[in-house]
């Protein structure tokens, strides 16, 4: 199955509080690994995931689920 790099930023929110842990966000997702993750001074987390998926759309959906678990409303971009 092809692999895709998915990048995103999770921001802390007043409703949800701090960004969740990556371990919690990845729970239950197969074929997803963290390539890089950096917590910023403001509490945001910039991350890049390696996602095994059939196509870029599926990789975006998988990355989006992980990002929403980090912080609801986070967005992701497939890098390739």
N, C-alpha and C. Protein backbone atom coordinates (compact mmCIF):
# COMPACT_ATOMS: atom_id res chain seq x y z
N UNK A 1 0.85 -1.17 0.00
CA UNK A 1 0.00 0.00 0.00
C UNK A 1 0.90 1.24 0.00
N UNK A 2 0.53 2.26 -0.75
CA UNK A 2 1.34 3.48 -0.80
C UNK A 2 1.38 4.21 0.56
N UNK A 3 2.44 4.97 0.76
CA UNK A 3 2.52 5.80 1.97
C UNK A 3 2.49 7.26 1.57
N UNK A 4 1.90 8.06 2.44
CA UNK A 4 1.76 9.50 2.23
C UNK A 4 2.23 10.22 3.49
N UNK A 5 2.84 11.37 3.30
CA UNK A 5 3.20 12.23 4.42
C UNK A 5 2.08 13.24 4.59
N UNK A 6 1.59 13.35 5.82
CA UNK A 6 0.47 14.24 6.13
C UNK A 6 0.94 15.20 7.21
N UNK A 7 0.82 16.49 6.94
CA UNK A 7 1.28 17.53 7.85
C UNK A 7 0.09 18.28 8.42
N UNK A 8 0.24 18.75 9.65
CA UNK A 8 -0.83 19.54 10.25
C UNK A 8 -0.36 20.28 11.48
N UNK A 9 -1.23 21.13 11.99
CA UNK A 9 -0.99 21.85 13.23
C UNK A 9 -2.24 21.75 14.08
N UNK A 10 -2.06 21.30 15.31
CA UNK A 10 -3.17 21.22 16.26
C UNK A 10 -3.01 22.36 17.27
N UNK A 11 -4.06 23.14 17.42
CA UNK A 11 -4.03 24.29 18.31
C UNK A 11 -4.86 24.03 19.56
N UNK A 12 -4.40 24.49 20.73
CA UNK A 12 -5.24 24.37 21.91
C UNK A 12 -6.47 25.27 21.75
N UNK A 13 -7.59 24.85 22.30
CA UNK A 13 -8.82 25.64 22.21
C UNK A 13 -9.41 25.84 23.59
N UNK A 14 -10.21 26.87 23.72
CA UNK A 14 -10.87 27.14 25.00
C UNK A 14 -11.80 26.00 25.38
N UNK A 15 -12.49 25.43 24.38
CA UNK A 15 -13.44 24.36 24.63
C UNK A 15 -12.76 23.05 25.00
N UNK A 16 -11.74 22.67 24.24
CA UNK A 16 -11.09 21.37 24.43
C UNK A 16 -9.87 21.43 25.33
N UNK A 17 -9.34 22.62 25.56
CA UNK A 17 -8.14 22.75 26.38
C UNK A 17 -6.88 22.45 25.59
N UNK A 18 -5.89 21.87 26.28
CA UNK A 18 -4.61 21.59 25.65
C UNK A 18 -4.74 20.52 24.57
N UNK A 19 -3.78 20.51 23.68
CA UNK A 19 -3.71 19.50 22.63
C UNK A 19 -3.46 18.14 23.28
N UNK A 20 -4.18 17.13 22.84
CA UNK A 20 -4.03 15.77 23.38
C UNK A 20 -2.68 15.18 23.01
N UNK A 21 -2.33 14.08 23.64
CA UNK A 21 -1.06 13.42 23.32
C UNK A 21 -1.17 12.70 21.98
N UNK A 22 -0.05 12.57 21.31
CA UNK A 22 -0.02 11.85 20.04
C UNK A 22 -0.35 10.37 20.23
N UNK A 23 0.09 9.79 21.33
CA UNK A 23 -0.23 8.39 21.59
C UNK A 23 -1.73 8.18 21.64
N UNK A 24 -2.44 9.08 22.34
CA UNK A 24 -3.90 8.99 22.41
C UNK A 24 -4.54 9.21 21.05
N UNK A 25 -4.01 10.17 20.29
CA UNK A 25 -4.58 10.50 18.98
C UNK A 25 -4.39 9.37 17.97
N UNK A 26 -3.30 8.61 18.11
CA UNK A 26 -3.02 7.52 17.18
C UNK A 26 -3.70 6.21 17.57
N UNK A 27 -4.27 6.15 18.75
CA UNK A 27 -4.89 4.91 19.24
C UNK A 27 -5.96 4.43 18.25
N UNK A 28 -5.85 3.16 17.86
CA UNK A 28 -6.83 2.56 16.97
C UNK A 28 -6.58 2.77 15.49
N UNK A 29 -5.58 3.56 15.14
CA UNK A 29 -5.26 3.79 13.72
C UNK A 29 -4.11 2.88 13.32
N UNK A 30 -4.33 2.04 12.33
CA UNK A 30 -3.27 1.18 11.81
C UNK A 30 -2.62 1.85 10.61
N UNK A 31 -1.33 1.61 10.44
CA UNK A 31 -0.63 2.15 9.29
C UNK A 31 -0.33 3.63 9.40
N UNK A 32 -0.28 4.15 10.63
CA UNK A 32 0.02 5.56 10.85
C UNK A 32 1.17 5.67 11.84
N UNK A 33 2.18 6.45 11.50
CA UNK A 33 3.32 6.67 12.38
C UNK A 33 3.67 8.16 12.40
N UNK A 34 4.22 8.60 13.50
CA UNK A 34 4.66 9.99 13.63
C UNK A 34 6.07 10.09 13.06
N UNK A 35 6.22 10.95 12.06
CA UNK A 35 7.56 11.22 11.52
C UNK A 35 8.23 12.30 12.35
N UNK A 36 7.45 13.32 12.70
CA UNK A 36 7.99 14.46 13.44
C UNK A 36 6.84 15.15 14.16
N UNK A 37 7.11 15.63 15.36
CA UNK A 37 6.12 16.41 16.10
C UNK A 37 6.85 17.37 17.02
N UNK A 38 6.39 18.62 17.01
CA UNK A 38 7.02 19.64 17.83
C UNK A 38 5.94 20.45 18.54
N UNK A 39 6.05 20.51 19.86
CA UNK A 39 5.12 21.34 20.64
C UNK A 39 5.71 22.75 20.71
N UNK A 40 4.91 23.72 20.35
CA UNK A 40 5.33 25.12 20.34
C UNK A 40 5.11 25.76 21.71
N UNK A 41 5.68 26.93 21.92
CA UNK A 41 5.54 27.64 23.20
C UNK A 41 4.09 27.96 23.52
N UNK A 42 3.26 28.16 22.50
CA UNK A 42 1.86 28.50 22.74
C UNK A 42 0.98 27.27 22.96
N UNK A 43 1.58 26.07 22.98
CA UNK A 43 0.83 24.85 23.21
C UNK A 43 0.41 24.13 21.95
N UNK A 44 0.57 24.77 20.80
CA UNK A 44 0.23 24.12 19.53
C UNK A 44 1.22 23.00 19.24
N UNK A 45 0.77 22.02 18.45
CA UNK A 45 1.66 20.92 18.04
C UNK A 45 1.68 20.87 16.52
N UNK A 46 2.89 21.04 15.95
CA UNK A 46 3.08 20.86 14.51
C UNK A 46 3.54 19.42 14.32
N UNK A 47 2.93 18.72 13.36
CA UNK A 47 3.24 17.30 13.21
C UNK A 47 3.27 16.89 11.76
N UNK A 48 4.01 15.83 11.50
CA UNK A 48 4.01 15.16 10.20
C UNK A 48 3.83 13.67 10.48
N UNK A 49 2.84 13.09 9.82
CA UNK A 49 2.54 11.67 9.95
C UNK A 49 2.91 10.96 8.67
N UNK A 50 3.26 9.69 8.79
CA UNK A 50 3.42 8.82 7.64
C UNK A 50 2.22 7.89 7.67
N UNK A 51 1.41 7.93 6.60
CA UNK A 51 0.15 7.21 6.57
C UNK A 51 0.14 6.24 5.40
N UNK A 52 -0.16 4.98 5.68
CA UNK A 52 -0.38 3.99 4.63
C UNK A 52 -1.84 4.08 4.23
N UNK A 53 -2.09 4.37 2.95
CA UNK A 53 -3.47 4.53 2.48
C UNK A 53 -3.53 4.21 1.00
N UNK A 54 -4.73 3.91 0.54
CA UNK A 54 -4.93 3.56 -0.86
C UNK A 54 -4.67 4.75 -1.78
N UNK A 55 -5.00 5.95 -1.30
CA UNK A 55 -4.83 7.16 -2.13
C UNK A 55 -4.73 8.39 -1.22
N UNK A 56 -4.47 9.54 -1.83
CA UNK A 56 -4.29 10.78 -1.07
C UNK A 56 -5.55 11.17 -0.31
N UNK A 57 -6.71 10.93 -0.88
CA UNK A 57 -7.96 11.27 -0.19
C UNK A 57 -8.10 10.46 1.10
N UNK A 58 -7.81 9.17 1.02
CA UNK A 58 -7.87 8.31 2.22
C UNK A 58 -6.84 8.76 3.25
N UNK A 59 -5.64 9.13 2.80
CA UNK A 59 -4.61 9.61 3.72
C UNK A 59 -5.07 10.89 4.42
N UNK A 60 -5.75 11.76 3.69
CA UNK A 60 -6.27 13.00 4.28
C UNK A 60 -7.32 12.68 5.34
N UNK A 61 -8.20 11.73 5.05
CA UNK A 61 -9.24 11.35 6.02
C UNK A 61 -8.63 10.75 7.28
N UNK A 62 -7.64 9.88 7.12
CA UNK A 62 -6.98 9.26 8.27
C UNK A 62 -6.24 10.33 9.08
N UNK A 63 -5.47 11.16 8.39
CA UNK A 63 -4.75 12.24 9.07
C UNK A 63 -5.70 13.20 9.77
N UNK A 64 -6.84 13.45 9.15
CA UNK A 64 -7.84 14.33 9.75
C UNK A 64 -8.43 13.77 11.04
N UNK A 65 -8.65 12.45 11.07
CA UNK A 65 -9.15 11.82 12.30
C UNK A 65 -8.14 11.97 13.43
N UNK A 66 -6.86 11.73 13.11
CA UNK A 66 -5.81 11.88 14.13
C UNK A 66 -5.75 13.33 14.59
N UNK A 67 -5.78 14.26 13.67
CA UNK A 67 -5.71 15.68 14.02
C UNK A 67 -6.89 16.11 14.88
N UNK A 68 -8.09 15.61 14.57
CA UNK A 68 -9.26 15.96 15.38
C UNK A 68 -9.14 15.42 16.80
N UNK A 69 -8.48 14.28 16.95
CA UNK A 69 -8.26 13.76 18.30
C UNK A 69 -7.23 14.58 19.06
N UNK A 70 -6.28 15.16 18.32
CA UNK A 70 -5.31 16.05 18.97
C UNK A 70 -6.00 17.31 19.45
N UNK A 71 -6.80 17.91 18.57
CA UNK A 71 -7.53 19.13 18.87
C UNK A 71 -8.63 19.28 17.83
N UNK A 72 -9.89 19.29 18.26
CA UNK A 72 -11.00 19.39 17.30
C UNK A 72 -10.85 20.61 16.38
N UNK A 73 -11.10 20.39 15.09
CA UNK A 73 -11.03 21.47 14.11
C UNK A 73 -9.68 21.63 13.46
N UNK A 74 -8.70 20.79 13.84
CA UNK A 74 -7.38 20.87 13.20
C UNK A 74 -7.49 20.45 11.75
N UNK A 75 -6.61 21.00 10.93
CA UNK A 75 -6.61 20.65 9.51
C UNK A 75 -5.28 19.99 9.15
N UNK A 76 -5.30 19.22 8.07
CA UNK A 76 -4.10 18.54 7.60
C UNK A 76 -3.93 18.74 6.10
N UNK A 77 -2.71 18.53 5.65
CA UNK A 77 -2.37 18.62 4.23
C UNK A 77 -1.52 17.42 3.86
N UNK A 78 -1.85 16.77 2.75
CA UNK A 78 -1.02 15.68 2.26
C UNK A 78 0.15 16.28 1.50
N UNK A 79 1.35 15.90 1.93
CA UNK A 79 2.57 16.41 1.31
C UNK A 79 3.00 15.53 0.15
N UNK A 80 2.66 14.29 0.16
CA UNK A 80 3.04 13.39 -0.92
C UNK A 80 3.33 12.01 -0.43
